[in-house]
Amino acid sequence: EPQNKKAEPEKAEPPKPAEKPKEESRVSDQITYSQRLKQSSHFQKFQS
């Protein structure tokens, strides 16, 4: 907002559950690999 030039501190994120994030991050790696491939210039050239 214009009148509030000082950035308010970010709200603290809730603590991540133990054990779970490791597996979730691996699945996320799988998703983002495919997305990174599709967004790469050599893939888009191949698509074209």
ModelCIF file with pLDDT and N, C-alpha, C, O atoms, coordinates in Angstrom:
data_MODEL
#
_entry.id   MODEL 
#
_entity.id                         1 
_entity.type                       polymer 
_entity.pdbx_number_of_molecules   1 
#
_entity_poly.entity_id                      1 
_entity_poly.type                           'polypeptide(L)' 
_entity_poly.nstd_linkage                   no 
_entity_poly.nstd_monomer                   no 
_entity_poly.pdbx_seq_one_letter_code       EPQNKKAEPEKAEPPKPAEKPKEESRVSDQITYSQRLKQSSHFQKFQS 
_entity_poly.pdbx_seq_one_letter_code_can   EPQNKKAEPEKAEPPKPAEKPKEESRVSDQITYSQRLKQSSHFQKFQS 
_entity_poly.pdbx_strand_id                 A 
#
loop_
_entity_poly_seq.entity_id 
_entity_poly_seq.num 
_entity_poly_seq.mon_id 
_entity_poly_seq.hetero 
1 1  GLU n 
1 2  PRO n 
1 3  GLN n 
1 4  ASN n 
1 5  LYS n 
1 6  LYS n 
1 7  ALA n 
1 8  GLU n 
1 9  PRO n 
1 10 GLU n 
1 11 LYS n 
1 12 ALA n 
1 13 GLU n 
1 14 PRO n 
1 15 PRO n 
1 16 LYS n 
1 17 PRO n 
1 18 ALA n 
1 19 GLU n 
1 20 LYS n 
1 21 PRO n 
1 22 LYS n 
1 23 GLU n 
1 24 GLU n 
1 25 SER n 
1 26 ARG n 
1 27 VAL n 
1 28 SER n 
1 29 ASP n 
1 30 GLN n 
1 31 ILE n 
1 32 THR n 
1 33 TYR n 
1 34 SER n 
1 35 GLN n 
1 36 ARG n 
1 37 LEU n 
1 38 LYS n 
1 39 GLN n 
1 40 SER n 
1 41 SER n 
1 42 HIS n 
1 43 PHE n 
1 44 GLN n 
1 45 LYS n 
1 46 PHE n 
1 47 GLN n 
1 48 SER n 
#
_struct_asym.id          A 
_struct_asym.entity_id   1 
#
loop_
_ma_qa_metric.id 
_ma_qa_metric.mode 
_ma_qa_metric.name 
_ma_qa_metric.software_group_id 
_ma_qa_metric.type 
1 global pLDDT . pLDDT 
2 local  pLDDT . pLDDT 
#
_ma_qa_metric_global.metric_id      1 
_ma_qa_metric_global.metric_value   53.65 
_ma_qa_metric_global.model_id       1 
_ma_qa_metric_global.ordinal_id     1 
#
loop_
_ma_qa_metric_local.label_asym_id 
_ma_qa_metric_local.label_comp_id 
_ma_qa_metric_local.label_seq_id 
_ma_qa_metric_local.metric_id 
_ma_qa_metric_local.metric_value 
_ma_qa_metric_local.model_id 
_ma_qa_metric_local.ordinal_id 
A GLU 1  2 43.00 1 1  
A PRO 2  2 46.00 1 2  
A GLN 3  2 46.00 1 3  
A ASN 4  2 46.00 1 4  
A LYS 5  2 44.00 1 5  
A LYS 6  2 44.00 1 6  
A ALA 7  2 46.00 1 7  
A GLU 8  2 46.00 1 8  
A PRO 9  2 46.00 1 9  
A GLU 10 2 47.00 1 10 
A LYS 11 2 45.00 1 11 
A ALA 12 2 45.00 1 12 
A GLU 13 2 49.00 1 13 
A PRO 14 2 46.00 1 14 
A PRO 15 2 47.00 1 15 
A LYS 16 2 47.00 1 16 
A PRO 17 2 44.00 1 17 
A ALA 18 2 43.00 1 18 
A GLU 19 2 46.00 1 19 
A LYS 20 2 41.00 1 20 
A PRO 21 2 42.00 1 21 
A LYS 22 2 42.00 1 22 
A GLU 23 2 41.00 1 23 
A GLU 24 2 41.00 1 24 
A SER 25 2 42.00 1 25 
A ARG 26 2 43.00 1 26 
A VAL 27 2 43.00 1 27 
A SER 28 2 45.00 1 28 
A ASP 29 2 46.00 1 29 
A GLN 30 2 44.00 1 30 
A ILE 31 2 47.00 1 31 
A THR 32 2 44.00 1 32 
A TYR 33 2 53.00 1 33 
A SER 34 2 58.00 1 34 
A GLN 35 2 63.00 1 35 
A ARG 36 2 64.00 1 36 
A LEU 37 2 63.00 1 37 
A LYS 38 2 67.00 1 38 
A GLN 39 2 69.00 1 39 
A SER 40 2 73.00 1 40 
A SER 41 2 75.00 1 41 
A HIS 42 2 73.00 1 42 
A PHE 43 2 78.00 1 43 
A GLN 44 2 79.00 1 44 
A LYS 45 2 83.00 1 45 
A PHE 46 2 83.00 1 46 
A GLN 47 2 83.00 1 47 
A SER 48 2 84.00 1 48 
#
loop_
_atom_site.group_PDB 
_atom_site.id 
_atom_site.type_symbol 
_atom_site.label_atom_id 
_atom_site.label_alt_id 
_atom_site.label_comp_id 
_atom_site.label_asym_id 
_atom_site.label_entity_id 
_atom_site.label_seq_id 
_atom_site.pdbx_PDB_ins_code 
_atom_site.Cartn_x 
_atom_site.Cartn_y 
_atom_site.Cartn_z 
_atom_site.occupancy 
_atom_site.B_iso_or_equiv 
_atom_site.pdbx_formal_charge 
_atom_site.auth_seq_id 
_atom_site.auth_comp_id 
_atom_site.auth_asym_id 
_atom_site.auth_atom_id 
_atom_site.pdbx_PDB_model_num 
ATOM 1   N N  . GLU A 1 1  ? 0.832  -1.182  0.000   1.00 43.00 ? 1  GLU A N  1 
ATOM 2   C CA . GLU A 1 1  ? 0.000  0.000   0.000   1.00 43.00 ? 1  GLU A CA 1 
ATOM 3   C C  . GLU A 1 1  ? 0.877  1.247   0.000   1.00 43.00 ? 1  GLU A C  1 
ATOM 4   O O  . GLU A 1 1  ? 1.905  1.265   0.677   1.00 43.00 ? 1  GLU A O  1 
ATOM 5   N N  . PRO A 1 2  ? 0.506  2.275   -0.730  1.00 46.00 ? 2  PRO A N  1 
ATOM 6   C CA . PRO A 1 2  ? 1.360  3.459   -0.893  1.00 46.00 ? 2  PRO A CA 1 
ATOM 7   C C  . PRO A 1 2  ? 1.779  4.093   0.423   1.00 46.00 ? 2  PRO A C  1 
ATOM 8   O O  . PRO A 1 2  ? 2.929  4.508   0.568   1.00 46.00 ? 2  PRO A O  1 
ATOM 9   N N  . GLN A 1 3  ? 0.844  4.176   1.407   1.00 46.00 ? 3  GLN A N  1 
ATOM 10  C CA . GLN A 1 3  ? 1.201  4.889   2.614   1.00 46.00 ? 3  GLN A CA 1 
ATOM 11  C C  . GLN A 1 3  ? 2.094  4.082   3.543   1.00 46.00 ? 3  GLN A C  1 
ATOM 12  O O  . GLN A 1 3  ? 2.588  4.621   4.533   1.00 46.00 ? 3  GLN A O  1 
ATOM 13  N N  . ASN A 1 4  ? 2.305  2.866   3.263   1.00 46.00 ? 4  ASN A N  1 
ATOM 14  C CA . ASN A 1 4  ? 3.111  2.025   4.157   1.00 46.00 ? 4  ASN A CA 1 
ATOM 15  C C  . ASN A 1 4  ? 4.352  1.581   3.415   1.00 46.00 ? 4  ASN A C  1 
ATOM 16  O O  . ASN A 1 4  ? 4.378  0.503   2.821   1.00 46.00 ? 4  ASN A O  1 
ATOM 17  N N  . LYS A 1 5  ? 5.389  2.416   3.451   1.00 44.00 ? 5  LYS A N  1 
ATOM 18  C CA . LYS A 1 5  ? 6.589  2.108   2.690   1.00 44.00 ? 5  LYS A CA 1 
ATOM 19  C C  . LYS A 1 5  ? 7.452  1.070   3.365   1.00 44.00 ? 5  LYS A C  1 
ATOM 20  O O  . LYS A 1 5  ? 8.242  0.398   2.702   1.00 44.00 ? 5  LYS A O  1 
ATOM 21  N N  . LYS A 1 6  ? 7.317  0.921   4.697   1.00 44.00 ? 6  LYS A N  1 
ATOM 22  C CA . LYS A 1 6  ? 8.093  -0.095  5.393   1.00 44.00 ? 6  LYS A CA 1 
ATOM 23  C C  . LYS A 1 6  ? 7.449  -1.444  5.158   1.00 44.00 ? 6  LYS A C  1 
ATOM 24  O O  . LYS A 1 6  ? 6.257  -1.649  5.384   1.00 44.00 ? 6  LYS A O  1 
ATOM 25  N N  . ALA A 1 7  ? 8.274  -2.337  4.703   1.00 46.00 ? 7  ALA A N  1 
ATOM 26  C CA . ALA A 1 7  ? 7.758  -3.686  4.457   1.00 46.00 ? 7  ALA A CA 1 
ATOM 27  C C  . ALA A 1 7  ? 7.449  -4.357  5.780   1.00 46.00 ? 7  ALA A C  1 
ATOM 28  O O  . ALA A 1 7  ? 8.300  -4.436  6.667   1.00 46.00 ? 7  ALA A O  1 
ATOM 29  N N  . GLU A 1 8  ? 6.251  -4.826  5.899   1.00 46.00 ? 8  GLU A N  1 
ATOM 30  C CA . GLU A 1 8  ? 5.886  -5.520  7.128   1.00 46.00 ? 8  GLU A CA 1 
ATOM 31  C C  . GLU A 1 8  ? 6.592  -6.864  7.185   1.00 46.00 ? 8  GLU A C  1 
ATOM 32  O O  . GLU A 1 8  ? 6.809  -7.503  6.156   1.00 46.00 ? 8  GLU A O  1 
ATOM 33  N N  . PRO A 1 9  ? 6.947  -7.287  8.377   1.00 46.00 ? 9  PRO A N  1 
ATOM 34  C CA . PRO A 1 9  ? 7.611  -8.582  8.485   1.00 46.00 ? 9  PRO A CA 1 
ATOM 35  C C  . PRO A 1 9  ? 6.703  -9.686  7.991   1.00 46.00 ? 9  PRO A C  1 
ATOM 36  O O  . PRO A 1 9  ? 5.496  -9.688  8.230   1.00 46.00 ? 9  PRO A O  1 
ATOM 37  N N  . GLU A 1 10 ? 7.325  -10.633 7.289   1.00 47.00 ? 10 GLU A N  1 
ATOM 38  C CA . GLU A 1 10 ? 6.559  -11.743 6.748   1.00 47.00 ? 10 GLU A CA 1 
ATOM 39  C C  . GLU A 1 10 ? 6.021  -12.588 7.892   1.00 47.00 ? 10 GLU A C  1 
ATOM 40  O O  . GLU A 1 10 ? 6.670  -12.765 8.923   1.00 47.00 ? 10 GLU A O  1 
ATOM 41  N N  . LYS A 1 11 ? 4.834  -13.095 7.682   1.00 45.00 ? 11 LYS A N  1 
ATOM 42  C CA . LYS A 1 11 ? 4.247  -13.961 8.690   1.00 45.00 ? 11 LYS A CA 1 
ATOM 43  C C  . LYS A 1 11 ? 5.038  -15.255 8.762   1.00 45.00 ? 11 LYS A C  1 
ATOM 44  O O  . LYS A 1 11 ? 5.426  -15.829 7.744   1.00 45.00 ? 11 LYS A O  1 
ATOM 45  N N  . ALA A 1 12 ? 5.264  -15.690 9.969   1.00 45.00 ? 12 ALA A N  1 
ATOM 46  C CA . ALA A 1 12 ? 6.029  -16.928 10.143  1.00 45.00 ? 12 ALA A CA 1 
ATOM 47  C C  . ALA A 1 12 ? 5.246  -18.098 9.584   1.00 45.00 ? 12 ALA A C  1 
ATOM 48  O O  . ALA A 1 12 ? 4.053  -18.250 9.847   1.00 45.00 ? 12 ALA A O  1 
ATOM 49  N N  . GLU A 1 13 ? 5.925  -18.914 8.816   1.00 49.00 ? 13 GLU A N  1 
ATOM 50  C CA . GLU A 1 13 ? 5.296  -20.106 8.262   1.00 49.00 ? 13 GLU A CA 1 
ATOM 51  C C  . GLU A 1 13 ? 5.148  -21.148 9.367   1.00 49.00 ? 13 GLU A C  1 
ATOM 52  O O  . GLU A 1 13 ? 5.994  -21.234 10.257  1.00 49.00 ? 13 GLU A O  1 
ATOM 53  N N  . PRO A 1 14 ? 4.078  -21.937 9.313   1.00 46.00 ? 14 PRO A N  1 
ATOM 54  C CA . PRO A 1 14 ? 3.922  -22.997 10.310  1.00 46.00 ? 14 PRO A CA 1 
ATOM 55  C C  . PRO A 1 14 ? 5.045  -23.997 10.171  1.00 46.00 ? 14 PRO A C  1 
ATOM 56  O O  . PRO A 1 14 ? 5.544  -24.221 9.068   1.00 46.00 ? 14 PRO A O  1 
ATOM 57  N N  . PRO A 1 15 ? 5.451  -24.605 11.278  1.00 47.00 ? 15 PRO A N  1 
ATOM 58  C CA . PRO A 1 15 ? 6.536  -25.578 11.210  1.00 47.00 ? 15 PRO A CA 1 
ATOM 59  C C  . PRO A 1 15 ? 6.186  -26.741 10.297  1.00 47.00 ? 15 PRO A C  1 
ATOM 60  O O  . PRO A 1 15 ? 5.047  -27.207 10.270  1.00 47.00 ? 15 PRO A O  1 
ATOM 61  N N  . LYS A 1 16 ? 7.177  -27.201 9.554   1.00 47.00 ? 16 LYS A N  1 
ATOM 62  C CA . LYS A 1 16 ? 6.956  -28.312 8.635   1.00 47.00 ? 16 LYS A CA 1 
ATOM 63  C C  . LYS A 1 16 ? 6.950  -29.627 9.413   1.00 47.00 ? 16 LYS A C  1 
ATOM 64  O O  . LYS A 1 16 ? 7.746  -29.813 10.334  1.00 47.00 ? 16 LYS A O  1 
ATOM 65  N N  . PRO A 1 17 ? 6.057  -30.527 9.043   1.00 44.00 ? 17 PRO A N  1 
ATOM 66  C CA . PRO A 1 17 ? 6.003  -31.797 9.753   1.00 44.00 ? 17 PRO A CA 1 
ATOM 67  C C  . PRO A 1 17 ? 7.307  -32.563 9.584   1.00 44.00 ? 17 PRO A C  1 
ATOM 68  O O  . PRO A 1 17 ? 7.957  -32.499 8.541   1.00 44.00 ? 17 PRO A O  1 
ATOM 69  N N  . ALA A 1 18 ? 7.665  -33.273 10.612  1.00 43.00 ? 18 ALA A N  1 
ATOM 70  C CA . ALA A 1 18 ? 8.896  -34.070 10.558  1.00 43.00 ? 18 ALA A CA 1 
ATOM 71  C C  . ALA A 1 18 ? 8.724  -35.200 9.568   1.00 43.00 ? 18 ALA A C  1 
ATOM 72  O O  . ALA A 1 18 ? 7.618  -35.703 9.370   1.00 43.00 ? 18 ALA A O  1 
ATOM 73  N N  . GLU A 1 19 ? 9.820  -35.597 8.947   1.00 46.00 ? 19 GLU A N  1 
ATOM 74  C CA . GLU A 1 19 ? 9.926  -36.744 8.034   1.00 46.00 ? 19 GLU A CA 1 
ATOM 75  C C  . GLU A 1 19 ? 9.269  -36.478 6.688   1.00 46.00 ? 19 GLU A C  1 
ATOM 76  O O  . GLU A 1 19 ? 9.824  -36.858 5.658   1.00 46.00 ? 19 GLU A O  1 
ATOM 77  N N  . LYS A 1 20 ? 8.103  -35.838 6.664   1.00 41.00 ? 20 LYS A N  1 
ATOM 78  C CA . LYS A 1 20 ? 7.325  -35.720 5.441   1.00 41.00 ? 20 LYS A CA 1 
ATOM 79  C C  . LYS A 1 20 ? 7.969  -34.880 4.352   1.00 41.00 ? 20 LYS A C  1 
ATOM 80  O O  . LYS A 1 20 ? 7.930  -35.277 3.187   1.00 41.00 ? 20 LYS A O  1 
ATOM 81  N N  . PRO A 1 21 ? 8.568  -33.720 4.683   1.00 42.00 ? 21 PRO A N  1 
ATOM 82  C CA . PRO A 1 21 ? 9.066  -32.824 3.629   1.00 42.00 ? 21 PRO A CA 1 
ATOM 83  C C  . PRO A 1 21 ? 10.043 -33.484 2.690   1.00 42.00 ? 21 PRO A C  1 
ATOM 84  O O  . PRO A 1 21 ? 10.071 -33.160 1.503   1.00 42.00 ? 21 PRO A O  1 
ATOM 85  N N  . LYS A 1 22 ? 10.865 -34.423 3.204   1.00 42.00 ? 22 LYS A N  1 
ATOM 86  C CA . LYS A 1 22 ? 11.891 -35.042 2.359   1.00 42.00 ? 22 LYS A CA 1 
ATOM 87  C C  . LYS A 1 22 ? 11.261 -35.726 1.163   1.00 42.00 ? 22 LYS A C  1 
ATOM 88  O O  . LYS A 1 22 ? 11.714 -35.552 0.032   1.00 42.00 ? 22 LYS A O  1 
ATOM 89  N N  . GLU A 1 23 ? 10.202 -36.516 1.414   1.00 41.00 ? 23 GLU A N  1 
ATOM 90  C CA . GLU A 1 23 ? 9.561  -37.246 0.331   1.00 41.00 ? 23 GLU A CA 1 
ATOM 91  C C  . GLU A 1 23 ? 8.813  -36.294 -0.584  1.00 41.00 ? 23 GLU A C  1 
ATOM 92  O O  . GLU A 1 23 ? 8.819  -36.447 -1.805  1.00 41.00 ? 23 GLU A O  1 
ATOM 93  N N  . GLU A 1 24 ? 8.142  -35.266 0.051   1.00 41.00 ? 24 GLU A N  1 
ATOM 94  C CA . GLU A 1 24 ? 7.387  -34.325 -0.768  1.00 41.00 ? 24 GLU A CA 1 
ATOM 95  C C  . GLU A 1 24 ? 8.299  -33.553 -1.697  1.00 41.00 ? 24 GLU A C  1 
ATOM 96  O O  . GLU A 1 24 ? 7.932  -33.286 -2.841  1.00 41.00 ? 24 GLU A O  1 
ATOM 97  N N  . SER A 1 25 ? 9.485  -33.191 -1.225  1.00 42.00 ? 25 SER A N  1 
ATOM 98  C CA . SER A 1 25 ? 10.396 -32.419 -2.050  1.00 42.00 ? 25 SER A CA 1 
ATOM 99  C C  . SER A 1 25 ? 10.872 -33.244 -3.225  1.00 42.00 ? 25 SER A C  1 
ATOM 100 O O  . SER A 1 25 ? 11.163 -32.699 -4.289  1.00 42.00 ? 25 SER A O  1 
ATOM 101 N N  . ARG A 1 26 ? 10.957 -34.576 -3.043  1.00 43.00 ? 26 ARG A N  1 
ATOM 102 C CA . ARG A 1 26 ? 11.393 -35.417 -4.157  1.00 43.00 ? 26 ARG A CA 1 
ATOM 103 C C  . ARG A 1 26 ? 10.323 -35.477 -5.231  1.00 43.00 ? 26 ARG A C  1 
ATOM 104 O O  . ARG A 1 26 ? 10.625 -35.426 -6.424  1.00 43.00 ? 26 ARG A O  1 
ATOM 105 N N  . VAL A 1 27 ? 9.063  -35.585 -4.804  1.00 43.00 ? 27 VAL A N  1 
ATOM 106 C CA . VAL A 1 27 ? 7.981  -35.558 -5.787  1.00 43.00 ? 27 VAL A CA 1 
ATOM 107 C C  . VAL A 1 27 ? 7.958  -34.225 -6.496  1.00 43.00 ? 27 VAL A C  1 
ATOM 108 O O  . VAL A 1 27 ? 7.737  -34.164 -7.706  1.00 43.00 ? 27 VAL A O  1 
ATOM 109 N N  . SER A 1 28 ? 8.190  -33.124 -5.732  1.00 45.00 ? 28 SER A N  1 
ATOM 110 C CA . SER A 1 28 ? 8.256  -31.795 -6.336  1.00 45.00 ? 28 SER A CA 1 
ATOM 111 C C  . SER A 1 28 ? 9.378  -31.721 -7.348  1.00 45.00 ? 28 SER A C  1 
ATOM 112 O O  . SER A 1 28 ? 9.229  -31.095 -8.398  1.00 45.00 ? 28 SER A O  1 
ATOM 113 N N  . ASP A 1 29 ? 10.529 -32.370 -7.038  1.00 46.00 ? 29 ASP A N  1 
ATOM 114 C CA . ASP A 1 29 ? 11.639 -32.387 -7.984  1.00 46.00 ? 29 ASP A CA 1 
ATOM 115 C C  . ASP A 1 29 ? 11.203 -33.024 -9.291  1.00 46.00 ? 29 ASP A C  1 
ATOM 116 O O  . ASP A 1 29 ? 11.583 -32.565 -10.368 1.00 46.00 ? 29 ASP A O  1 
ATOM 117 N N  . GLN A 1 30 ? 10.386 -34.108 -9.197  1.00 44.00 ? 30 GLN A N  1 
ATOM 118 C CA . GLN A 1 30 ? 9.916  -34.783 -10.394 1.00 44.00 ? 30 GLN A CA 1 
ATOM 119 C C  . GLN A 1 30 ? 9.065  -33.845 -11.242 1.00 44.00 ? 30 GLN A C  1 
ATOM 120 O O  . GLN A 1 30 ? 9.216  -33.794 -12.462 1.00 44.00 ? 30 GLN A O  1 
ATOM 121 N N  . ILE A 1 31 ? 8.158  -33.092 -10.584 1.00 47.00 ? 31 ILE A N  1 
ATOM 122 C CA . ILE A 1 31 ? 7.274  -32.189 -11.304 1.00 47.00 ? 31 ILE A CA 1 
ATOM 123 C C  . ILE A 1 31 ? 8.082  -31.075 -11.963 1.00 47.00 ? 31 ILE A C  1 
ATOM 124 O O  . ILE A 1 31 ? 7.901  -30.798 -13.148 1.00 47.00 ? 31 ILE A O  1 
ATOM 125 N N  . THR A 1 32 ? 8.961  -30.443 -11.214 1.00 44.00 ? 32 THR A N  1 
ATOM 126 C CA . THR A 1 32 ? 9.681  -29.309 -11.753 1.00 44.00 ? 32 THR A CA 1 
ATOM 127 C C  . THR A 1 32 ? 10.696 -29.716 -12.809 1.00 44.00 ? 32 THR A C  1 
ATOM 128 O O  . THR A 1 32 ? 11.053 -28.900 -13.659 1.00 44.00 ? 32 THR A O  1 
ATOM 129 N N  . TYR A 1 33 ? 11.170 -30.960 -12.779 1.00 53.00 ? 33 TYR A N  1 
ATOM 130 C CA . TYR A 1 33 ? 12.067 -31.408 -13.846 1.00 53.00 ? 33 TYR A CA 1 
ATOM 131 C C  . TYR A 1 33 ? 11.338 -31.378 -15.183 1.00 53.00 ? 33 TYR A C  1 
ATOM 132 O O  . TYR A 1 33 ? 11.857 -30.866 -16.175 1.00 53.00 ? 33 TYR A O  1 
ATOM 133 N N  . SER A 1 34 ? 10.135 -31.930 -15.198 1.00 58.00 ? 34 SER A N  1 
ATOM 134 C CA . SER A 1 34 ? 9.359  -31.925 -16.436 1.00 58.00 ? 34 SER A CA 1 
ATOM 135 C C  . SER A 1 34 ? 9.062  -30.509 -16.887 1.00 58.00 ? 34 SER A C  1 
ATOM 136 O O  . SER A 1 34 ? 9.127  -30.204 -18.078 1.00 58.00 ? 34 SER A O  1 
ATOM 137 N N  . GLN A 1 35 ? 8.734  -29.636 -15.931 1.00 63.00 ? 35 GLN A N  1 
ATOM 138 C CA . GLN A 1 35 ? 8.447  -28.254 -16.283 1.00 63.00 ? 35 GLN A CA 1 
ATOM 139 C C  . GLN A 1 35 ? 9.697  -27.543 -16.793 1.00 63.00 ? 35 GLN A C  1 
ATOM 140 O O  . GLN A 1 35 ? 9.645  -26.782 -17.759 1.00 63.00 ? 35 GLN A O  1 
ATOM 141 N N  . ARG A 1 36 ? 10.827 -27.807 -16.123 1.00 64.00 ? 36 ARG A N  1 
ATOM 142 C CA . ARG A 1 36 ? 12.068 -27.177 -16.574 1.00 64.00 ? 36 ARG A CA 1 
ATOM 143 C C  . ARG A 1 36 ? 12.423 -27.643 -17.981 1.00 64.00 ? 36 ARG A C  1 
ATOM 144 O O  . ARG A 1 36 ? 12.879 -26.857 -18.811 1.00 64.00 ? 36 ARG A O  1 
ATOM 145 N N  . LEU A 1 37 ? 12.207 -28.937 -18.240 1.00 63.00 ? 37 LEU A N  1 
ATOM 146 C CA . LEU A 1 37 ? 12.489 -29.462 -19.580 1.00 63.00 ? 37 LEU A CA 1 
ATOM 147 C C  . LEU A 1 37 ? 11.631 -28.760 -20.619 1.00 63.00 ? 37 LEU A C  1 
ATOM 148 O O  . LEU A 1 37 ? 12.124 -28.336 -21.665 1.00 63.00 ? 37 LEU A O  1 
ATOM 149 N N  . LYS A 1 38 ? 10.332 -28.640 -20.319 1.00 67.00 ? 38 LYS A N  1 
ATOM 150 C CA . LYS A 1 38 ? 9.410  -28.036 -21.279 1.00 67.00 ? 38 LYS A CA 1 
ATOM 151 C C  . LYS A 1 38 ? 9.664  -26.544 -21.478 1.00 67.00 ? 38 LYS A C  1 
ATOM 152 O O  . LYS A 1 38 ? 9.332  -25.987 -22.525 1.00 67.00 ? 38 LYS A O  1 
ATOM 153 N N  . GLN A 1 39 ? 10.253 -25.899 -20.473 1.00 69.00 ? 39 GLN A N  1 
ATOM 154 C CA . GLN A 1 39 ? 10.518 -24.462 -20.579 1.00 69.00 ? 39 GLN A CA 1 
ATOM 155 C C  . GLN A 1 39 ? 11.889 -24.164 -21.174 1.00 69.00 ? 39 GLN A C  1 
ATOM 156 O O  . GLN A 1 39 ? 12.210 -23.008 -21.451 1.00 69.00 ? 39 GLN A O  1 
ATOM 157 N N  . SER A 1 40 ? 12.698 -25.207 -21.372 1.00 73.00 ? 40 SER A N  1 
ATOM 158 C CA . SER A 1 40 ? 14.046 -24.990 -21.893 1.00 73.00 ? 40 SER A CA 1 
ATOM 159 C C  . SER A 1 40 ? 14.005 -24.645 -23.376 1.00 73.00 ? 40 SER A C  1 
ATOM 160 O O  . SER A 1 40 ? 13.100 -25.067 -24.096 1.00 73.00 ? 40 SER A O  1 
ATOM 161 N N  . SER A 1 41 ? 14.980 -23.885 -23.822 1.00 75.00 ? 41 SER A N  1 
ATOM 162 C CA . SER A 1 41 ? 15.000 -23.428 -25.221 1.00 75.00 ? 41 SER A CA 1 
ATOM 163 C C  . SER A 1 41 ? 15.194 -24.589 -26.180 1.00 75.00 ? 41 SER A C  1 
ATOM 164 O O  . SER A 1 41 ? 14.607 -24.591 -27.262 1.00 75.00 ? 41 SER A O  1 
ATOM 165 N N  . HIS A 1 42 ? 16.023 -25.605 -25.803 1.00 73.00 ? 42 HIS A N  1 
ATOM 166 C CA . HIS A 1 42 ? 16.247 -26.707 -26.732 1.00 73.00 ? 42 HIS A CA 1 
ATOM 167 C C  . HIS A 1 42 ? 15.004 -27.572 -26.874 1.00 73.00 ? 42 HIS A C  1 
ATOM 168 O O  . HIS A 1 42 ? 14.771 -28.143 -27.939 1.00 73.00 ? 42 HIS A O  1 
ATOM 169 N N  . PHE A 1 43 ? 14.182 -27.680 -25.795 1.00 78.00 ? 43 PHE A N  1 
ATOM 170 C CA . PHE A 1 43 ? 12.931 -28.425 -25.895 1.00 78.00 ? 43 PHE A CA 1 
ATOM 171 C C  . PHE A 1 43 ? 11.931 -27.671 -26.768 1.00 78.00 ? 43 PHE A C  1 
ATOM 172 O O  . PHE A 1 43 ? 11.247 -28.272 -27.596 1.00 78.00 ? 43 PHE A O  1 
ATOM 173 N N  . GLN A 1 44 ? 11.848 -26.357 -26.581 1.00 79.00 ? 44 GLN A N  1 
ATOM 174 C CA . GLN A 1 44 ? 10.916 -25.571 -27.375 1.00 79.00 ? 44 GLN A CA 1 
ATOM 175 C C  . GLN A 1 44 ? 11.312 -25.576 -28.857 1.00 79.00 ? 44 GLN A C  1 
ATOM 176 O O  . GLN A 1 44 ? 10.450 -25.555 -29.736 1.00 79.00 ? 44 GLN A O  1 
ATOM 177 N N  . LYS A 1 45 ? 12.631 -25.603 -29.127 1.00 83.00 ? 45 LYS A N  1 
ATOM 178 C CA . LYS A 1 45 ? 13.077 -25.712 -30.524 1.00 83.00 ? 45 LYS A CA 1 
ATOM 179 C C  . LYS A 1 45 ? 12.671 -27.067 -31.093 1.00 83.00 ? 45 LYS A C  1 
ATOM 180 O O  . LYS A 1 45 ? 12.216 -27.157 -32.233 1.00 83.00 ? 45 LYS A O  1 
ATOM 181 N N  . PHE A 1 46 ? 12.839 -28.127 -30.287 1.00 83.00 ? 46 PHE A N  1 
ATOM 182 C CA . PHE A 1 46 ? 12.437 -29.460 -30.739 1.00 83.00 ? 46 PHE A CA 1 
ATOM 183 C C  . PHE A 1 46 ? 10.932 -29.493 -30.990 1.00 83.00 ? 46 PHE A C  1 
ATOM 184 O O  . PHE A 1 46 ? 10.483 -30.063 -31.984 1.00 83.00 ? 46 PHE A O  1 
ATOM 185 N N  . GLN A 1 47 ? 10.146 -28.883 -30.093 1.00 83.00 ? 47 GLN A N  1 
ATOM 186 C CA . GLN A 1 47 ? 8.701  -28.833 -30.271 1.00 83.00 ? 47 GLN A CA 1 
ATOM 187 C C  . GLN A 1 47 ? 8.314  -28.144 -31.579 1.00 83.00 ? 47 GLN A C  1 
ATOM 188 O O  . GLN A 1 47 ? 7.444  -28.608 -32.316 1.00 83.00 ? 47 GLN A O  1 
ATOM 189 N N  . SER A 1 48 ? 8.980  -27.035 -31.841 1.00 84.00 ? 48 SER A N  1 
ATOM 190 C CA . SER A 1 48 ? 8.683  -26.289 -33.063 1.00 84.00 ? 48 SER A CA 1 
ATOM 191 C C  . SER A 1 48 ? 9.004  -27.127 -34.299 1.00 84.00 ? 48 SER A C  1 
ATOM 192 O O  . SER A 1 48 ? 8.818  -26.663 -35.424 1.00 84.00 ? 48 SER A O  1 
#
